Each structure stands twice: as structure tokens, then as C-alpha cells.
């Protein structure tokens, strides 16, 4: 038997709205993929990277925190 003694959550400080994400990647995404992303019902995403959209385009990651510093 496993007893859960405690639980914690943390939200990274950087957030990007779905509309901003799609706008920054529009020239790389197909119309079908754009429609799929917009229809998921996710209004914003959180990331430990300050350059999340740039990272998705293939640029190096610029992480500002990690799982050990989030709390």
C-alpha cells in the first residue's frame, strides 16, 4: 500500500497564449495544424523557456528555470 503524504505544483513564469504561438509559427504550420492547435481548447501554455516559440522553430533553448528550482 502506498500513502501519499503530500503533493505540490508549480507553474513556470513564462506563458504564451495560443494565438501568439500560432502567429509566431504561422509561416511554418499547415492550415490543418493551425486549426487543430486552435481547436484544442488550450488558451495559454506555460514554459520554463523564455523563448518557447523560437525553440519550436529550431533555435537553441533558453531555459530560465528547471524542475529543481520550481517551487
Protein backbone atom coordinates (compact mmCIF):
# COMPACT_ATOMS: atom_id res chain seq x y z
CA UNK A 1 0.00 0.00 0.00
CA UNK A 2 1.21 3.50 -0.83
CA UNK A 3 0.28 6.53 1.25
CA UNK A 4 0.52 9.95 -0.32
CA UNK A 5 1.95 12.28 2.29
CA UNK A 6 1.98 15.49 0.28
CA UNK A 7 1.76 16.93 -3.21
CA UNK A 8 2.92 20.18 -4.72
CA UNK A 9 2.59 22.01 -8.01
CA UNK A 10 4.47 24.83 -9.65
CA UNK A 11 3.72 26.85 -12.76
CA UNK A 12 6.63 28.22 -14.78
CA UNK A 13 6.74 32.01 -15.02
CA UNK A 14 6.71 32.22 -18.82
CA UNK A 15 3.35 31.92 -20.51
CA UNK A 16 2.40 32.12 -24.15
CA UNK A 17 -1.12 32.43 -25.47
CA UNK A 18 -2.20 30.03 -28.20
CA UNK A 19 -2.91 32.96 -30.52
CA UNK A 20 0.63 34.30 -30.01
CA UNK A 21 2.12 30.86 -30.57
CA UNK A 22 0.21 30.30 -33.80
CA UNK A 23 1.01 33.80 -35.03
CA UNK A 24 4.74 33.31 -34.47
CA UNK A 25 4.77 29.90 -36.18
CA UNK A 26 2.17 30.57 -38.88
CA UNK A 27 4.68 30.54 -41.73
CA UNK A 28 5.84 27.05 -40.67
CA UNK A 29 2.48 25.40 -39.94
CA UNK A 30 -0.11 23.99 -42.31
CA UNK A 31 -3.67 25.37 -42.11
CA UNK A 32 -4.82 21.97 -40.81
CA UNK A 33 -2.29 22.03 -37.98
CA UNK A 34 -3.22 25.62 -37.09
CA UNK A 35 -6.89 24.62 -36.90
CA UNK A 36 -6.01 21.61 -34.74
CA UNK A 37 -3.94 23.69 -32.31
CA UNK A 38 -6.67 26.33 -32.06
CA UNK A 39 -9.41 23.75 -31.52
CA UNK A 40 -7.70 22.02 -28.57
CA UNK A 41 -9.25 24.42 -26.07
CA UNK A 42 -5.90 25.47 -24.56
CA UNK A 43 -5.80 29.25 -24.14
CA UNK A 44 -2.21 29.52 -22.93
CA UNK A 45 0.80 27.37 -22.24
CA UNK A 46 3.50 27.66 -19.61
CA UNK A 47 7.17 27.02 -20.22
CA UNK A 48 10.48 27.17 -18.39
CA UNK A 49 11.88 28.66 -21.61
CA UNK A 50 11.58 32.36 -22.25
CA UNK A 51 11.91 31.68 -25.99
CA UNK A 52 9.33 28.88 -26.32
CA UNK A 53 8.09 29.83 -29.79
CA UNK A 54 11.63 30.39 -31.05
CA UNK A 55 12.64 26.99 -29.67
CA UNK A 56 9.79 25.35 -31.58
CA UNK A 57 11.20 26.97 -34.73
CA UNK A 58 14.55 25.26 -34.12
CA UNK A 59 16.51 27.86 -32.15
CA UNK A 60 18.50 26.88 -29.04
CA UNK A 61 16.63 26.63 -25.75
CA UNK A 62 16.94 29.50 -23.28
CA UNK A 63 15.72 27.90 -20.05
CA UNK A 64 15.25 30.19 -17.07
CA UNK A 65 14.31 27.55 -14.51
CA UNK A 66 14.20 23.79 -14.04
CA UNK A 67 12.27 21.22 -12.10
CA UNK A 68 14.68 21.62 -9.20
CA UNK A 69 14.21 25.40 -8.98
CA UNK A 70 10.40 25.42 -9.42
CA UNK A 71 8.53 25.52 -6.16
